[in-house]
Amino acid sequence: MREISSSITFEINAGETVPMKVSRSIRLAVSGGAVWVTRSDDTEDYWLQPGHTLRLRRGERLWLSVEGGGRARVAFAVAPRADVRVFDWLARVSDRLGLRSRDGWRTV
């Protein structure tokens, strides 16, 4: 079972079933062909046409498949976490103010 914890794109061939586990909240987008999605703890199955998206919850298990003679491309996109953006911003500000050196060393 593949574990999804970051943004990734891959193709699924017709007749193939791909089991997955979602490590963090993520969005699934479909292109190229329709994808059948079965989710753990959900009584509904989802038939996603190209261009459709589905928000997934952390800890979910998925089974993805494609029917027919083609293949589909699925893209998992993780939204950037707010705390990571804040740390990036702080690093840029400290660089501008000369409080931080890029080589990991600082002068005291």
N, C-alpha and C. Protein backbone atom coordinates (compact mmCIF):
# COMPACT_ATOMS: atom_id res chain seq x y z
N MET A 1 0.84 -1.16 0.00
CA MET A 1 0.00 0.00 0.00
C MET A 1 0.89 1.23 0.00
N ARG A 2 0.71 2.10 -0.96
CA ARG A 2 1.46 3.35 -1.03
C ARG A 2 0.95 4.32 0.01
N GLU A 3 1.87 5.08 0.59
CA GLU A 3 1.48 6.10 1.55
C GLU A 3 1.73 7.46 0.93
N ILE A 4 0.70 8.30 0.92
CA ILE A 4 0.79 9.63 0.32
C ILE A 4 0.95 10.66 1.43
N SER A 5 2.10 11.36 1.42
CA SER A 5 2.35 12.39 2.42
C SER A 5 2.84 13.68 1.77
N SER A 6 3.01 13.68 0.46
CA SER A 6 3.47 14.87 -0.24
C SER A 6 2.80 14.93 -1.62
N SER A 7 3.02 16.02 -2.31
CA SER A 7 2.44 16.16 -3.65
C SER A 7 3.10 15.19 -4.61
N ILE A 8 2.29 14.48 -5.38
CA ILE A 8 2.79 13.48 -6.32
C ILE A 8 1.77 13.29 -7.44
N THR A 9 2.25 12.94 -8.64
CA THR A 9 1.39 12.64 -9.78
C THR A 9 1.84 11.32 -10.38
N PHE A 10 0.88 10.46 -10.73
CA PHE A 10 1.21 9.21 -11.40
C PHE A 10 0.02 8.74 -12.23
N GLU A 11 0.27 7.74 -13.06
CA GLU A 11 -0.78 7.19 -13.93
C GLU A 11 -1.25 5.84 -13.42
N ILE A 12 -2.53 5.56 -13.67
CA ILE A 12 -3.12 4.26 -13.36
C ILE A 12 -3.63 3.67 -14.66
N ASN A 13 -3.26 2.44 -14.96
CA ASN A 13 -3.71 1.77 -16.17
C ASN A 13 -5.07 1.11 -15.96
N ALA A 14 -5.80 0.93 -17.03
CA ALA A 14 -7.10 0.26 -16.96
C ALA A 14 -6.94 -1.13 -16.35
N GLY A 15 -7.86 -1.50 -15.47
CA GLY A 15 -7.82 -2.81 -14.83
C GLY A 15 -6.92 -2.89 -13.61
N GLU A 16 -6.14 -1.86 -13.36
CA GLU A 16 -5.23 -1.84 -12.22
C GLU A 16 -5.94 -1.22 -11.01
N THR A 17 -5.72 -1.76 -9.82
CA THR A 17 -6.24 -1.19 -8.59
C THR A 17 -5.06 -0.80 -7.73
N VAL A 18 -5.05 0.46 -7.28
CA VAL A 18 -3.94 0.98 -6.50
C VAL A 18 -4.43 1.30 -5.08
N PRO A 19 -3.94 0.55 -4.07
CA PRO A 19 -4.30 0.88 -2.69
C PRO A 19 -3.39 1.98 -2.15
N MET A 20 -3.94 2.89 -1.36
CA MET A 20 -3.18 4.01 -0.84
C MET A 20 -3.62 4.34 0.58
N LYS A 21 -2.71 4.97 1.31
CA LYS A 21 -3.03 5.50 2.64
C LYS A 21 -2.65 6.98 2.63
N VAL A 22 -3.54 7.82 3.13
CA VAL A 22 -3.32 9.26 3.15
C VAL A 22 -2.73 9.65 4.51
N SER A 23 -1.52 10.22 4.50
CA SER A 23 -0.83 10.59 5.74
C SER A 23 -1.23 11.96 6.26
N ARG A 24 -1.63 12.85 5.36
CA ARG A 24 -2.09 14.17 5.76
C ARG A 24 -3.16 14.64 4.80
N SER A 25 -3.95 15.60 5.23
CA SER A 25 -5.03 16.09 4.38
C SER A 25 -4.46 16.52 3.04
N ILE A 26 -5.17 16.17 1.98
CA ILE A 26 -4.63 16.33 0.64
C ILE A 26 -5.78 16.43 -0.35
N ARG A 27 -5.51 16.91 -1.56
CA ARG A 27 -6.53 16.99 -2.59
C ARG A 27 -6.12 16.10 -3.76
N LEU A 28 -7.06 15.31 -4.25
CA LEU A 28 -6.84 14.42 -5.39
C LEU A 28 -7.48 15.07 -6.62
N ALA A 29 -6.73 15.20 -7.70
CA ALA A 29 -7.24 15.73 -8.96
C ALA A 29 -7.03 14.68 -10.04
N VAL A 30 -8.01 14.56 -10.94
CA VAL A 30 -7.98 13.53 -11.98
C VAL A 30 -7.88 14.18 -13.35
N SER A 31 -7.07 13.58 -14.24
CA SER A 31 -7.00 14.02 -15.63
C SER A 31 -6.73 12.82 -16.51
N GLY A 32 -7.04 12.95 -17.79
CA GLY A 32 -6.75 11.90 -18.76
C GLY A 32 -7.77 10.79 -18.86
N GLY A 33 -8.48 10.49 -17.81
CA GLY A 33 -9.49 9.44 -17.81
C GLY A 33 -10.20 9.40 -16.47
N ALA A 34 -11.34 8.74 -16.41
CA ALA A 34 -12.13 8.68 -15.18
C ALA A 34 -11.51 7.69 -14.19
N VAL A 35 -11.63 8.00 -12.90
CA VAL A 35 -11.06 7.17 -11.84
C VAL A 35 -12.16 6.79 -10.85
N TRP A 36 -12.19 5.53 -10.47
CA TRP A 36 -13.11 5.02 -9.47
C TRP A 36 -12.38 5.07 -8.13
N VAL A 37 -12.99 5.74 -7.13
CA VAL A 37 -12.35 5.89 -5.82
C VAL A 37 -13.22 5.26 -4.75
N THR A 38 -12.64 4.34 -3.99
CA THR A 38 -13.30 3.77 -2.82
C THR A 38 -12.52 4.25 -1.61
N ARG A 39 -13.25 4.80 -0.61
CA ARG A 39 -12.62 5.36 0.58
C ARG A 39 -13.00 4.54 1.80
N SER A 40 -12.05 4.39 2.72
CA SER A 40 -12.37 3.73 3.98
C SER A 40 -13.34 4.62 4.76
N ASP A 41 -14.15 4.00 5.57
CA ASP A 41 -15.12 4.73 6.41
C ASP A 41 -16.09 5.59 5.61
N ASP A 42 -16.38 5.20 4.37
CA ASP A 42 -17.34 5.93 3.54
C ASP A 42 -18.20 4.92 2.80
N THR A 43 -19.50 5.06 2.89
CA THR A 43 -20.39 4.10 2.23
C THR A 43 -20.53 4.39 0.74
N GLU A 44 -20.09 5.57 0.30
CA GLU A 44 -20.18 5.96 -1.10
C GLU A 44 -18.87 5.65 -1.83
N ASP A 45 -18.98 5.31 -3.10
CA ASP A 45 -17.83 5.26 -3.99
C ASP A 45 -17.91 6.49 -4.88
N TYR A 46 -16.80 6.89 -5.44
CA TYR A 46 -16.75 8.11 -6.25
C TYR A 46 -16.21 7.79 -7.64
N TRP A 47 -16.90 8.27 -8.65
CA TRP A 47 -16.48 8.13 -10.04
C TRP A 47 -16.07 9.53 -10.48
N LEU A 48 -14.76 9.79 -10.48
CA LEU A 48 -14.25 11.12 -10.78
C LEU A 48 -13.88 11.24 -12.25
N GLN A 49 -14.51 12.17 -12.92
CA GLN A 49 -14.21 12.46 -14.32
C GLN A 49 -12.99 13.38 -14.39
N PRO A 50 -12.31 13.44 -15.54
CA PRO A 50 -11.17 14.35 -15.68
C PRO A 50 -11.57 15.78 -15.32
N GLY A 51 -10.75 16.43 -14.52
CA GLY A 51 -11.03 17.78 -14.07
C GLY A 51 -11.67 17.83 -12.69
N HIS A 52 -12.19 16.73 -12.20
CA HIS A 52 -12.81 16.69 -10.87
C HIS A 52 -11.74 16.52 -9.80
N THR A 53 -12.06 17.02 -8.61
CA THR A 53 -11.16 16.89 -7.46
C THR A 53 -11.92 16.32 -6.27
N LEU A 54 -11.18 15.79 -5.32
CA LEU A 54 -11.76 15.22 -4.11
C LEU A 54 -10.81 15.52 -2.96
N ARG A 55 -11.34 16.10 -1.89
CA ARG A 55 -10.53 16.35 -0.69
C ARG A 55 -10.49 15.08 0.15
N LEU A 56 -9.30 14.74 0.61
CA LEU A 56 -9.09 13.52 1.37
C LEU A 56 -8.64 13.87 2.78
N ARG A 57 -9.06 13.06 3.73
CA ARG A 57 -8.73 13.29 5.13
C ARG A 57 -7.51 12.46 5.54
N ARG A 58 -6.79 12.97 6.49
CA ARG A 58 -5.63 12.27 7.05
C ARG A 58 -6.08 10.92 7.62
N GLY A 59 -5.32 9.87 7.33
CA GLY A 59 -5.60 8.55 7.85
C GLY A 59 -6.52 7.70 6.98
N GLU A 60 -7.09 8.29 5.94
CA GLU A 60 -7.97 7.52 5.05
C GLU A 60 -7.19 6.49 4.26
N ARG A 61 -7.86 5.43 3.93
CA ARG A 61 -7.31 4.45 2.98
C ARG A 61 -8.15 4.55 1.72
N LEU A 62 -7.48 4.44 0.58
CA LEU A 62 -8.13 4.57 -0.73
C LEU A 62 -7.80 3.37 -1.59
N TRP A 63 -8.72 3.09 -2.51
CA TRP A 63 -8.46 2.13 -3.57
C TRP A 63 -8.87 2.83 -4.85
N LEU A 64 -7.91 3.03 -5.76
CA LEU A 64 -8.14 3.74 -7.01
C LEU A 64 -8.08 2.76 -8.16
N SER A 65 -8.99 2.92 -9.11
CA SER A 65 -8.95 2.07 -10.29
C SER A 65 -9.51 2.81 -11.49
N VAL A 66 -9.18 2.30 -12.67
CA VAL A 66 -9.64 2.87 -13.93
C VAL A 66 -10.29 1.74 -14.71
N GLU A 67 -11.47 2.01 -15.25
CA GLU A 67 -12.15 1.01 -16.07
C GLU A 67 -12.09 1.44 -17.53
N GLY A 68 -12.29 0.49 -18.40
CA GLY A 68 -12.24 0.79 -19.82
C GLY A 68 -10.87 0.48 -20.39
N GLY A 69 -10.59 1.04 -21.55
CA GLY A 69 -9.35 0.71 -22.25
C GLY A 69 -8.23 1.70 -22.08
N GLY A 70 -8.41 2.73 -21.29
CA GLY A 70 -7.38 3.76 -21.21
C GLY A 70 -6.65 3.79 -19.88
N ARG A 71 -6.09 4.93 -19.61
CA ARG A 71 -5.40 5.18 -18.36
C ARG A 71 -5.78 6.56 -17.88
N ALA A 72 -5.54 6.81 -16.61
CA ALA A 72 -5.85 8.11 -16.02
C ALA A 72 -4.65 8.60 -15.23
N ARG A 73 -4.56 9.89 -15.09
CA ARG A 73 -3.50 10.51 -14.30
C ARG A 73 -4.15 11.07 -13.03
N VAL A 74 -3.55 10.75 -11.89
CA VAL A 74 -4.03 11.27 -10.63
C VAL A 74 -2.92 12.13 -10.01
N ALA A 75 -3.33 13.26 -9.46
CA ALA A 75 -2.38 14.17 -8.83
C ALA A 75 -2.84 14.44 -7.42
N PHE A 76 -1.95 14.21 -6.47
CA PHE A 76 -2.22 14.51 -5.07
C PHE A 76 -1.48 15.80 -4.75
N ALA A 77 -2.20 16.79 -4.23
CA ALA A 77 -1.59 18.08 -3.91
C ALA A 77 -1.79 18.39 -2.44
N VAL A 78 -0.67 18.60 -1.76
CA VAL A 78 -0.68 18.96 -0.34
C VAL A 78 -0.62 20.47 -0.26
N ALA A 79 -1.54 21.08 0.48
CA ALA A 79 -1.51 22.53 0.70
C ALA A 79 -0.35 22.85 1.63
N PRO A 80 0.37 23.94 1.35
CA PRO A 80 1.47 24.30 2.24
C PRO A 80 0.95 24.62 3.63
N ARG A 81 1.65 24.13 4.63
CA ARG A 81 1.23 24.38 6.01
C ARG A 81 1.60 25.80 6.41
N ALA A 82 0.74 26.42 7.19
CA ALA A 82 0.95 27.81 7.61
C ALA A 82 2.25 27.96 8.39
N ASP A 83 2.58 27.02 9.27
CA ASP A 83 3.79 27.16 10.08
C ASP A 83 5.05 27.10 9.23
N VAL A 84 5.04 26.32 8.14
CA VAL A 84 6.19 26.26 7.24
C VAL A 84 6.36 27.60 6.54
N ARG A 85 5.25 28.20 6.09
CA ARG A 85 5.33 29.51 5.44
C ARG A 85 5.86 30.57 6.40
N VAL A 86 5.47 30.51 7.66
CA VAL A 86 5.94 31.47 8.65
C VAL A 86 7.44 31.32 8.85
N PHE A 87 7.94 30.08 8.97
CA PHE A 87 9.38 29.87 9.15
C PHE A 87 10.15 30.34 7.92
N ASP A 88 9.62 30.11 6.72
CA ASP A 88 10.28 30.60 5.51
C ASP A 88 10.35 32.12 5.52
N TRP A 89 9.25 32.77 5.92
CA TRP A 89 9.20 34.22 5.98
C TRP A 89 10.23 34.74 7.00
N LEU A 90 10.28 34.12 8.19
CA LEU A 90 11.24 34.53 9.21
C LEU A 90 12.68 34.38 8.73
N ALA A 91 12.96 33.31 8.00
CA ALA A 91 14.31 33.10 7.47
C ALA A 91 14.68 34.19 6.48
N ARG A 92 13.74 34.57 5.60
CA ARG A 92 14.01 35.64 4.62
C ARG A 92 14.25 36.98 5.33
N VAL A 93 13.45 37.28 6.34
CA VAL A 93 13.60 38.54 7.07
C VAL A 93 14.95 38.57 7.80
N SER A 94 15.32 37.47 8.45
CA SER A 94 16.60 37.44 9.17
C SER A 94 17.78 37.56 8.20
N ASP A 95 17.65 37.00 7.00
CA ASP A 95 18.71 37.16 5.99
C ASP A 95 18.86 38.63 5.59
N ARG A 96 17.72 39.29 5.37
CA ARG A 96 17.76 40.71 4.98
C ARG A 96 18.39 41.58 6.07
N LEU A 97 18.13 41.23 7.31
CA LEU A 97 18.66 42.01 8.43
C LEU A 97 20.08 41.61 8.80
N GLY A 98 20.61 40.58 8.14
CA GLY A 98 21.96 40.13 8.43
C GLY A 98 22.08 39.34 9.72
N LEU A 99 20.98 38.79 10.20
CA LEU A 99 20.99 38.04 11.45
C LEU A 99 21.32 36.57 11.25
N ARG A 100 21.33 36.15 10.01
CA ARG A 100 21.53 34.73 9.74
C ARG A 100 22.46 34.58 8.54
N SER A 101 23.32 33.63 8.59
CA SER A 101 24.22 33.34 7.48
C SER A 101 23.75 32.08 6.77
N ARG A 102 23.90 32.03 5.46
CA ARG A 102 23.41 30.89 4.68
C ARG A 102 24.24 29.62 4.91
N ASP A 103 25.47 29.74 5.41
CA ASP A 103 26.31 28.56 5.57
C ASP A 103 26.10 27.85 6.91
N GLY A 104 25.18 28.35 7.72
CA GLY A 104 24.89 27.70 8.99
C GLY A 104 25.74 28.22 10.14
N TRP A 105 26.71 29.09 9.85
CA TRP A 105 27.57 29.66 10.89
C TRP A 105 27.17 31.09 11.14
N ARG A 106 27.35 31.54 12.34
CA ARG A 106 27.11 32.96 12.61
C ARG A 106 28.30 33.53 13.39
N THR A 107 28.50 34.77 13.20
CA THR A 107 29.60 35.46 13.89
C THR A 107 29.04 36.06 15.18
N VAL A 108 29.80 35.86 16.26
CA VAL A 108 29.36 36.38 17.56
C VAL A 108 30.25 37.50 18.00
